[in-house]
């Protein structure tokens, strides 16, 4: 299999080999593909979890188990979480 890389990606691969972390360009590409596969698996698991949570929320709503929605409260919570993240602090739910 032959793969064409942009000059930027080719330079990146060469930098990784030159750093001594990898013995060849093939090792860099294999590692990149392994990480891509891992990321795809994690994304799929996350998507499945979101679907389960959505289904649970719909079931709860159908049973009348809902809470009032306050957009202003949500806005404040999001702003606090973003601020904490920017400062390197853990976010709270």
PDB file of N, CA and C in Angstrom:
ATOM      1  N   UNK A   1       0.857  -1.168   0.000  1.00  0.00           N
ATOM      2  CA  UNK A   1       0.000   0.000   0.000  1.00  0.00           C
ATOM      3  C   UNK A   1       0.906   1.234   0.000  1.00  0.00           C
ATOM      4  N   UNK A   2       0.612   2.165  -0.859  1.00  0.00           N
ATOM      5  CA  UNK A   2       1.317   3.445  -0.887  1.00  0.00           C
ATOM      6  C   UNK A   2       0.378   4.528  -0.391  1.00  0.00           C
ATOM      7  N   UNK A   3       0.917   5.424   0.403  1.00  0.00           N
ATOM      8  CA  UNK A   3       0.113   6.508   0.958  1.00  0.00           C
ATOM      9  C   UNK A   3       0.803   7.822   0.649  1.00  0.00           C
ATOM     10  N   UNK A   4       0.031   8.782   0.169  1.00  0.00           N
ATOM     11  CA  UNK A   4       0.574  10.113  -0.095  1.00  0.00           C
ATOM     12  C   UNK A   4       0.260  11.019   1.084  1.00  0.00           C
ATOM     13  N   UNK A   5       1.271  11.732   1.545  1.00  0.00           N
ATOM     14  CA  UNK A   5       1.101  12.663   2.655  1.00  0.00           C
ATOM     15  C   UNK A   5       1.347  14.081   2.176  1.00  0.00           C
ATOM     16  N   UNK A   6       0.691  15.011   2.842  1.00  0.00           N
ATOM     17  CA  UNK A   6       0.988  16.417   2.568  1.00  0.00           C
ATOM     18  C   UNK A   6       2.415  16.689   3.051  1.00  0.00           C
ATOM     19  N   UNK A   7       3.047  17.721   2.532  1.00  0.00           N
ATOM     20  CA  UNK A   7       4.400  18.038   3.005  1.00  0.00           C
ATOM     21  C   UNK A   7       4.460  18.247   4.524  1.00  0.00           C
ATOM     22  N   UNK A   8       3.417  18.841   5.089  1.00  0.00           N
ATOM     23  CA  UNK A   8       3.392  19.077   6.531  1.00  0.00           C
ATOM     24  C   UNK A   8       3.361  17.766   7.304  1.00  0.00           C
ATOM     25  N   UNK A   9       2.528  16.825   6.850  1.00  0.00           N
ATOM     26  CA  UNK A   9       2.452  15.536   7.538  1.00  0.00           C
ATOM     27  C   UNK A   9       3.737  14.740   7.349  1.00  0.00           C
ATOM     28  N   UNK A  10       4.306  14.818   6.165  1.00  0.00           N
ATOM     29  CA  UNK A  10       5.566  14.119   5.923  1.00  0.00           C
ATOM     30  C   UNK A  10       6.662  14.660   6.849  1.00  0.00           C
ATOM     31  N   UNK A  11       6.698  15.964   7.014  1.00  0.00           N
ATOM     32  CA  UNK A  11       7.673  16.579   7.914  1.00  0.00           C
ATOM     33  C   UNK A  11       7.421  16.134   9.358  1.00  0.00           C
ATOM     34  N   UNK A  12       6.166  16.070   9.747  1.00  0.00           N
ATOM     35  CA  UNK A  12       5.814  15.627  11.096  1.00  0.00           C
ATOM     36  C   UNK A  12       6.306  14.200  11.340  1.00  0.00           C
ATOM     37  N   UNK A  13       6.069  13.317  10.370  1.00  0.00           N
ATOM     38  CA  UNK A  13       6.507  11.927  10.494  1.00  0.00           C
ATOM     39  C   UNK A  13       8.026  11.873  10.625  1.00  0.00           C
ATOM     40  N   UNK A  14       8.714  12.621   9.788  1.00  0.00           N
ATOM     41  CA  UNK A  14      10.175  12.631   9.841  1.00  0.00           C
ATOM     42  C   UNK A  14      10.685  13.162  11.182  1.00  0.00           C
ATOM     43  N   UNK A  15      10.005  14.151  11.729  1.00  0.00           N
ATOM     44  CA  UNK A  15      10.394  14.678  13.043  1.00  0.00           C
ATOM     45  C   UNK A  15      10.270  13.599  14.119  1.00  0.00           C
ATOM     46  N   UNK A  16       9.210  12.816  14.037  1.00  0.00           N
ATOM     47  CA  UNK A  16       9.012  11.743  15.016  1.00  0.00           C
ATOM     48  C   UNK A  16      10.121  10.699  14.906  1.00  0.00           C
ATOM     49  N   UNK A  17      10.489  10.353  13.681  1.00  0.00           N
ATOM     50  CA  UNK A  17      11.570   9.387  13.481  1.00  0.00           C
ATOM     51  C   UNK A  17      12.888   9.986  13.969  1.00  0.00           C
ATOM     52  N   UNK A  18      13.144  11.237  13.615  1.00  0.00           N
ATOM     53  CA  UNK A  18      14.392  11.908  14.014  1.00  0.00           C
ATOM     54  C   UNK A  18      14.511  12.050  15.526  1.00  0.00           C
ATOM     55  N   UNK A  19      13.374  12.147  16.206  1.00  0.00           N
ATOM     56  CA  UNK A  19      13.402  12.299  17.668  1.00  0.00           C
ATOM     57  C   UNK A  19      13.867  11.026  18.365  1.00  0.00           C
ATOM     58  N   UNK A  20      13.845   9.925  17.642  1.00  0.00           N
ATOM     59  CA  UNK A  20      14.243   8.650  18.225  1.00  0.00           C
ATOM     60  C   UNK A  20      13.104   7.871  18.849  1.00  0.00           C
ATOM     61  N   UNK A  21      11.926   8.461  18.862  1.00  0.00           N
ATOM     62  CA  UNK A  21      10.776   7.752  19.436  1.00  0.00           C
ATOM     63  C   UNK A  21      10.336   6.583  18.558  1.00  0.00           C
ATOM     64  N   UNK A  22      10.584   6.691  17.269  1.00  0.00           N
ATOM     65  CA  UNK A  22      10.194   5.666  16.307  1.00  0.00           C
ATOM     66  C   UNK A  22      11.392   5.338  15.430  1.00  0.00           C
ATOM     67  N   UNK A  23      11.458   4.080  14.985  1.00  0.00           N
ATOM     68  CA  UNK A  23      12.563   3.645  14.141  1.00  0.00           C
ATOM     69  C   UNK A  23      12.331   3.912  12.667  1.00  0.00           C
ATOM     70  N   UNK A  24      11.074   4.103  12.289  1.00  0.00           N
ATOM     71  CA  UNK A  24      10.778   4.294  10.867  1.00  0.00           C
ATOM     72  C   UNK A  24       9.464   5.046  10.698  1.00  0.00           C
ATOM     73  N   UNK A  25       9.266   5.532   9.475  1.00  0.00           N
ATOM     74  CA  UNK A  25       8.005   6.197   9.145  1.00  0.00           C
ATOM     75  C   UNK A  25       6.843   5.217   9.285  1.00  0.00           C
ATOM     76  N   UNK A  26       7.081   3.959   8.958  1.00  0.00           N
ATOM     77  CA  UNK A  26       6.022   2.949   9.082  1.00  0.00           C
ATOM     78  C   UNK A  26       5.555   2.811  10.526  1.00  0.00           C
ATOM     79  N   UNK A  27       6.495   2.860  11.469  1.00  0.00           N
ATOM     80  CA  UNK A  27       6.106   2.783  12.880  1.00  0.00           C
ATOM     81  C   UNK A  27       5.231   3.968  13.276  1.00  0.00           C
ATOM     82  N   UNK A  28       5.569   5.143  12.783  1.00  0.00           N
ATOM     83  CA  UNK A  28       4.777   6.341  13.097  1.00  0.00           C
ATOM     84  C   UNK A  28       3.364   6.177  12.555  1.00  0.00           C
ATOM     85  N   UNK A  29       3.257   5.714  11.313  1.00  0.00           N
ATOM     86  CA  UNK A  29       1.940   5.556  10.687  1.00  0.00           C
ATOM     87  C   UNK A  29       1.137   4.477  11.410  1.00  0.00           C
ATOM     88  N   UNK A  30       1.787   3.368  11.768  1.00  0.00           N
ATOM     89  CA  UNK A  30       1.067   2.309  12.504  1.00  0.00           C
ATOM     90  C   UNK A  30       0.537   2.831  13.836  1.00  0.00           C
ATOM     91  N   UNK A  31       1.375   3.603  14.550  1.00  0.00           N
ATOM     92  CA  UNK A  31       0.939   4.167  15.830  1.00  0.00           C
ATOM     93  C   UNK A  31      -0.222   5.134  15.631  1.00  0.00           C
ATOM     94  N   UNK A  32      -0.133   5.945  14.591  1.00  0.00           N
ATOM     95  CA  UNK A  32      -1.214   6.896  14.307  1.00  0.00           C
ATOM     96  C   UNK A  32      -2.517   6.154  14.013  1.00  0.00           C
ATOM     97  N   UNK A  33      -2.430   5.086  13.244  1.00  0.00           N
ATOM     98  CA  UNK A  33      -3.634   4.317  12.923  1.00  0.00           C
ATOM     99  C   UNK A  33      -4.177   3.592  14.151  1.00  0.00           C
ATOM    100  N   UNK A  34      -3.279   3.106  15.016  1.00  0.00           N
ATOM    101  CA  UNK A  34      -3.730   2.467  16.256  1.00  0.00           C
ATOM    102  C   UNK A  34      -4.486   3.467  17.122  1.00  0.00           C
ATOM    103  N   UNK A  35      -3.940   4.683  17.224  1.00  0.00           N
ATOM    104  CA  UNK A  35      -4.606   5.722  18.012  1.00  0.00           C
ATOM    105  C   UNK A  35      -5.936   6.131  17.388  1.00  0.00           C
ATOM    106  N   UNK A  36      -5.988   6.187  16.067  1.00  0.00           N
ATOM    107  CA  UNK A  36      -7.237   6.522  15.379  1.00  0.00           C
ATOM    108  C   UNK A  36      -8.293   5.453  15.644  1.00  0.00           C
ATOM    109  N   UNK A  37      -7.882   4.182  15.593  1.00  0.00           N
ATOM    110  CA  UNK A  37      -8.822   3.093  15.875  1.00  0.00           C
ATOM    111  C   UNK A  37      -9.332   3.196  17.311  1.00  0.00           C
ATOM    112  N   UNK A  38      -8.410   3.462  18.250  1.00  0.00           N
ATOM    113  CA  UNK A  38      -8.792   3.612  19.658  1.00  0.00           C
ATOM    114  C   UNK A  38      -9.769   4.773  19.840  1.00  0.00           C
ATOM    115  N   UNK A  39      -9.489   5.878  19.167  1.00  0.00           N
ATOM    116  CA  UNK A  39     -10.372   7.047  19.245  1.00  0.00           C
ATOM    117  C   UNK A  39     -11.755   6.718  18.679  1.00  0.00           C
ATOM    118  N   UNK A  40     -11.790   5.982  17.574  1.00  0.00           N
ATOM    119  CA  UNK A  40     -13.074   5.585  16.991  1.00  0.00           C
ATOM    120  C   UNK A  40     -13.873   4.713  17.952  1.00  0.00           C
ATOM    121  N   UNK A  41     -13.194   3.784  18.615  1.00  0.00           N
ATOM    122  CA  UNK A  41     -13.870   2.905  19.576  1.00  0.00           C
ATOM    123  C   UNK A  41     -14.420   3.715  20.742  1.00  0.00           C
ATOM    124  N   UNK A  42     -13.608   4.631  21.266  1.00  0.00           N
ATOM    125  CA  UNK A  42     -14.076   5.478  22.368  1.00  0.00           C
ATOM    126  C   UNK A  42     -15.252   6.343  21.942  1.00  0.00           C
ATOM    127  N   UNK A  43     -15.185   6.885  20.733  1.00  0.00           N
ATOM    128  CA  UNK A  43     -16.278   7.709  20.227  1.00  0.00           C
ATOM    129  C   UNK A  43     -17.556   6.882  20.106  1.00  0.00           C
ATOM    130  N   UNK A  44     -17.424   5.636  19.640  1.00  0.00           N
ATOM    131  CA  UNK A  44     -18.588   4.768  19.502  1.00  0.00           C
ATOM    132  C   UNK A  44     -19.192   4.452  20.868  1.00  0.00           C
ATOM    133  N   UNK A  45     -18.346   4.163  21.851  1.00  0.00           N
ATOM    134  CA  UNK A  45     -18.849   3.899  23.208  1.00  0.00           C
ATOM    135  C   UNK A  45     -19.552   5.132  23.776  1.00  0.00           C
ATOM    136  N   UNK A  46     -18.969   6.292  23.538  1.00  0.00           N
ATOM    137  CA  UNK A  46     -19.577   7.534  24.020  1.00  0.00           C
ATOM    138  C   UNK A  46     -20.938   7.747  23.356  1.00  0.00           C
ATOM    139  N   UNK A  47     -21.014   7.498  22.059  1.00  0.00           N
ATOM    140  CA  UNK A  47     -22.275   7.653  21.335  1.00  0.00           C
ATOM    141  C   UNK A  47     -23.332   6.691  21.871  1.00  0.00           C
ATOM    142  N   UNK A  48     -22.934   5.453  22.133  1.00  0.00           N
ATOM    143  CA  UNK A  48     -23.878   4.481  22.694  1.00  0.00           C
ATOM    144  C   UNK A  48     -24.375   4.928  24.067  1.00  0.00           C
ATOM    145  N   UNK A  49     -23.474   5.469  24.888  1.00  0.00           N
ATOM    146  CA  UNK A  49     -23.866   5.960  26.212  1.00  0.00           C
ATOM    147  C   UNK A  49     -24.838   7.130  26.084  1.00  0.00           C
ATOM    148  N   UNK A  50     -24.569   8.034  25.152  1.00  0.00           N
ATOM    149  CA  UNK A  50     -25.489   9.157  24.932  1.00  0.00           C
ATOM    150  C   UNK A  50     -26.866   8.667  24.504  1.00  0.00           C
ATOM    151  N   UNK A  51     -26.890   7.666  23.631  1.00  0.00           N
ATOM    152  CA  UNK A  51     -28.183   7.121  23.184  1.00  0.00           C
ATOM    153  C   UNK A  51     -28.946   6.507  24.355  1.00  0.00           C
ATOM    154  N   UNK A  52     -28.224   5.793  25.238  1.00  0.00           N
ATOM    155  CA  UNK A  52     -28.887   5.212  26.417  1.00  0.00           C
ATOM    156  C   UNK A  52     -29.431   6.311  27.324  1.00  0.00           C
ATOM    157  N   UNK A  53     -28.645   7.365  27.530  1.00  0.00           N
ATOM    158  CA  UNK A  53     -29.081   8.474  28.384  1.00  0.00           C
ATOM    159  C   UNK A  53     -30.286   9.194  27.779  1.00  0.00           C
ATOM    160  N   UNK A  54     -30.283   9.372  26.471  1.00  0.00           N
ATOM    161  CA  UNK A  54     -31.426  10.016  25.806  1.00  0.00           C
ATOM    162  C   UNK A  54     -32.671   9.154  25.959  1.00  0.00           C
ATOM    163  N   UNK A  55     -32.518   7.838  25.733  1.00  0.00           N
ATOM    164  CA  UNK A  55     -33.661   6.931  25.877  1.00  0.00           C
ATOM    165  C   UNK A  55     -34.197   6.969  27.305  1.00  0.00           C
ATOM    166  N   UNK A  56     -33.300   6.986  28.284  1.00  0.00           N
ATOM    167  CA  UNK A  56     -33.719   7.067  29.683  1.00  0.00           C
ATOM    168  C   UNK A  56     -34.466   8.372  29.940  1.00  0.00           C
ATOM    169  N   UNK A  57     -33.953   9.470  29.417  1.00  0.00           N
ATOM    170  CA  UNK A  57     -34.617  10.764  29.588  1.00  0.00           C
ATOM    171  C   UNK A  57     -36.006  10.782  28.975  1.00  0.00           C
ATOM    172  N   UNK A  58     -36.138  10.178  27.811  1.00  0.00           N
ATOM    173  CA  UNK A  58     -37.451  10.115  27.153  1.00  0.00           C
ATOM    174  C   UNK A  58     -38.414   9.274  27.987  1.00  0.00           C
ATOM    175  N   UNK A  59     -37.924   8.136  28.491  1.00  0.00           N
ATOM    176  CA  UNK A  59     -38.771   7.292  29.342  1.00  0.00           C
ATOM    177  C   UNK A  59     -39.215   8.045  30.590  1.00  0.00           C
ATOM    178  N   UNK A  60     -38.297   8.770  31.216  1.00  0.00           N
ATOM    179  CA  UNK A  60     -38.641   9.536  32.415  1.00  0.00           C
ATOM    180  C   UNK A  60     -39.649  10.633  32.082  1.00  0.00           C
ATOM    181  N   UNK A  61     -39.475  11.295  30.961  1.00  0.00           N
ATOM    182  CA  UNK A  61     -40.419  12.344  30.561  1.00  0.00           C
ATOM    183  C   UNK A  61     -41.795  11.747  30.299  1.00  0.00           C
ATOM    184  N   UNK A  62     -41.827  10.575  29.658  1.00  0.00           N
ATOM    185  CA  UNK A  62     -43.107   9.912  29.393  1.00  0.00           C
ATOM    186  C   UNK A  62     -43.828   9.550  30.691  1.00  0.00           C
ATOM    187  N   UNK A  63     -43.072   9.285  31.762  1.00  0.00           N
ATOM    188  CA  UNK A  63     -43.669   8.957  33.059  1.00  0.00           C
ATOM    189  C   UNK A  63     -43.947  10.207  33.883  1.00  0.00           C
ATOM    190  N   UNK A  64     -43.625  11.360  33.330  1.00  0.00           N
ATOM    191  CA  UNK A  64     -43.856  12.610  34.045  1.00  0.00           C
ATOM    192  C   UNK A  64     -42.768  12.951  35.041  1.00  0.00           C
ATOM    193  N   UNK A  65     -41.663  12.280  34.966  1.00  0.00           N
ATOM    194  CA  UNK A  65     -40.547  12.529  35.885  1.00  0.00           C
ATOM    195  C   UNK A  65     -39.617  13.584  35.272  1.00  0.00           C
ATOM    196  N   UNK A  66     -40.048  14.819  35.345  1.00  0.00           N
ATOM    197  CA  UNK A  66     -39.261  15.907  34.765  1.00  0.00           C
ATOM    198  C   UNK A  66     -38.972  16.964  35.820  1.00  0.00           C
ATOM    199  N   UNK A  67     -38.013  17.820  35.493  1.00  0.00           N
ATOM    200  CA  UNK A  67     -37.674  18.945  36.359  1.00  0.00           C
ATOM    201  C   UNK A  67     -37.867  20.218  35.548  1.00  0.00           C
ATOM    202  N   UNK A  68     -38.216  21.308  36.204  1.00  0.00           N
ATOM    203  CA  UNK A  68     -38.354  22.564  35.471  1.00  0.00           C
ATOM    204  C   UNK A  68     -37.002  22.983  34.895  1.00  0.00           C
ATOM    205  N   UNK A  69     -37.043  23.605  33.729  1.00  0.00           N
ATOM    206  CA  UNK A  69     -35.829  24.055  33.040  1.00  0.00           C
ATOM    207  C   UNK A  69     -35.650  25.546  33.253  1.00  0.00           C
ATOM    208  N   UNK A  70     -34.475  25.929  33.711  1.00  0.00           N
ATOM    209  CA  UNK A  70     -34.156  27.335  33.923  1.00  0.00           C
ATOM    210  C   UNK A  70     -32.956  27.676  33.046  1.00  0.00           C
ATOM    211  N   UNK A  71     -33.205  28.346  31.939  1.00  0.00           N
ATOM    212  CA  UNK A  71     -32.148  28.673  30.983  1.00  0.00           C
ATOM    213  C   UNK A  71     -31.066  29.549  31.608  1.00  0.00           C
ATOM    214  N   UNK A  72     -31.451  30.465  32.459  1.00  0.00           N
ATOM    215  CA  UNK A  72     -30.468  31.351  33.086  1.00  0.00           C
ATOM    216  C   UNK A  72     -29.540  30.555  34.008  1.00  0.00           C
ATOM    217  N   UNK A  73     -30.105  29.609  34.753  1.00  0.00           N
ATOM    218  CA  UNK A  73     -29.294  28.760  35.622  1.00  0.00           C
ATOM    219  C   UNK A  73     -28.320  27.928  34.790  1.00  0.00           C
ATOM    220  N   UNK A  74     -28.782  27.384  33.684  1.00  0.00           N
ATOM    221  CA  UNK A  74     -27.918  26.604  32.801  1.00  0.00           C
ATOM    222  C   UNK A  74     -26.786  27.468  32.257  1.00  0.00           C
ATOM    223  N   UNK A  75     -27.113  28.679  31.847  1.00  0.00           N
ATOM    224  CA  UNK A  75     -26.105  29.598  31.316  1.00  0.00           C
ATOM    225  C   UNK A  75     -25.027  29.871  32.367  1.00  0.00           C
ATOM    226  N   UNK A  76     -25.427  30.102  33.597  1.00  0.00           N
ATOM    227  CA  UNK A  76     -24.482  30.372  34.682  1.00  0.00           C
ATOM    228  C   UNK A  76     -23.602  29.147  34.936  1.00  0.00           C
ATOM    229  N   UNK A  77     -24.202  27.964  34.963  1.00  0.00           N
ATOM    230  CA  UNK A  77     -23.434  26.740  35.200  1.00  0.00           C
ATOM    231  C   UNK A  77     -22.419  26.495  34.093  1.00  0.00           C
ATOM    232  N   UNK A  78     -22.812  26.747  32.850  1.00  0.00           N
ATOM    233  CA  UNK A  78     -21.891  26.566  31.724  1.00  0.00           C
ATOM    234  C   UNK A  78     -20.749  27.566  31.815  1.00  0.00           C
ATOM    235  N   UNK A  79     -21.067  28.821  32.124  1.00  0.00           N
ATOM    236  CA  UNK A  79     -20.028  29.845  32.233  1.00  0.00           C
ATOM    237  C   UNK A  79     -19.041  29.501  33.351  1.00  0.00           C
ATOM    238  N   UNK A  80     -19.538  28.988  34.467  1.00  0.00           N
ATOM    239  CA  UNK A  80     -18.655  28.584  35.572  1.00  0.00           C
ATOM    240  C   UNK A  80     -17.758  27.419  35.157  1.00  0.00           C
ATOM    241  N   UNK A  81     -18.338  26.465  34.457  1.00  0.00           N
ATOM    242  CA  UNK A  81     -17.561  25.305  34.016  1.00  0.00           C
ATOM    243  C   UNK A  81     -16.470  25.718  33.033  1.00  0.00           C
ATOM    244  N   UNK A  82     -16.800  26.599  32.105  1.00  0.00           N
ATOM    245  CA  UNK A  82     -15.812  27.083  31.136  1.00  0.00           C
ATOM    246  C   UNK A  82     -14.709  27.840  31.855  1.00  0.00           C
ATOM    247  N   UNK A  83     -15.085  28.691  32.786  1.00  0.00           N
ATOM    248  CA  UNK A  83     -14.103  29.462  33.544  1.00  0.00           C
ATOM    249  C   UNK A  83     -13.178  28.539  34.338  1.00  0.00           C
ATOM    250  N   UNK A  84     -13.751  27.537  34.986  1.00  0.00           N
ATOM    251  CA  UNK A  84     -12.947  26.589  35.761  1.00  0.00           C
ATOM    252  C   UNK A  84     -11.995  25.826  34.850  1.00  0.00           C
ATOM    253  N   UNK A  85     -12.487  25.429  33.688  1.00  0.00           N
ATOM    254  CA  UNK A  85     -11.651  24.690  32.744  1.00  0.00           C
ATOM    255  C   UNK A  85     -10.500  25.560  32.254  1.00  0.00           C
ATOM    256  N   UNK A  86     -10.775  26.818  31.972  1.00  0.00           N
ATOM    257  CA  UNK A  86      -9.739  27.735  31.510  1.00  0.00           C
ATOM    258  C   UNK A  86      -8.671  27.939  32.574  1.00  0.00           C
ATOM    259  N   UNK A  87      -9.060  27.830  33.841  1.00  0.00           N
ATOM    260  CA  UNK A  87      -8.121  28.006  34.950  1.00  0.00           C
ATOM    261  C   UNK A  87      -7.492  26.681  35.381  1.00  0.00           C
ATOM    262  N   UNK A  88      -7.819  25.617  34.652  1.00  0.00           N
ATOM    263  CA  UNK A  88      -7.245  24.312  34.960  1.00  0.00           C
ATOM    264  C   UNK A  88      -7.839  23.638  36.168  1.00  0.00           C
ATOM    265  N   UNK A  89      -9.022  24.072  36.576  1.00  0.00           N
ATOM    266  CA  UNK A  89      -9.685  23.490  37.741  1.00  0.00           C
ATOM    267  C   UNK A  89     -10.685  22.438  37.279  1.00  0.00           C
ATOM    268  N   UNK A  90     -10.938  21.436  38.112  1.00  0.00           N
ATOM    269  CA  UNK A  90     -11.954  20.446  37.740  1.00  0.00           C
ATOM    270  C   UNK A  90     -13.337  21.085  37.710  1.00  0.00           C
ATOM    271  N   UNK A  91     -14.162  20.601  36.803  1.00  0.00           N
ATOM    272  CA  UNK A  91     -15.524  21.128  36.713  1.00  0.00           C
ATOM    273  C   UNK A  91     -16.442  20.288  37.583  1.00  0.00           C
ATOM    274  N   UNK A  92     -17.518  20.920  38.052  1.00  0.00           N
ATOM    275  CA  UNK A  92     -18.509  20.233  38.869  1.00  0.00           C
ATOM    276  C   UNK A  92     -19.782  20.099  38.061  1.00  0.00           C
ATOM    277  N   UNK A  93     -20.501  19.006  38.282  1.00  0.00           N
ATOM    278  CA  UNK A  93     -21.765  18.782  37.567  1.00  0.00           C
ATOM    279  C   UNK A  93     -22.871  19.581  38.178  1.00  0.00           C
TER     280      UNK A  93
END
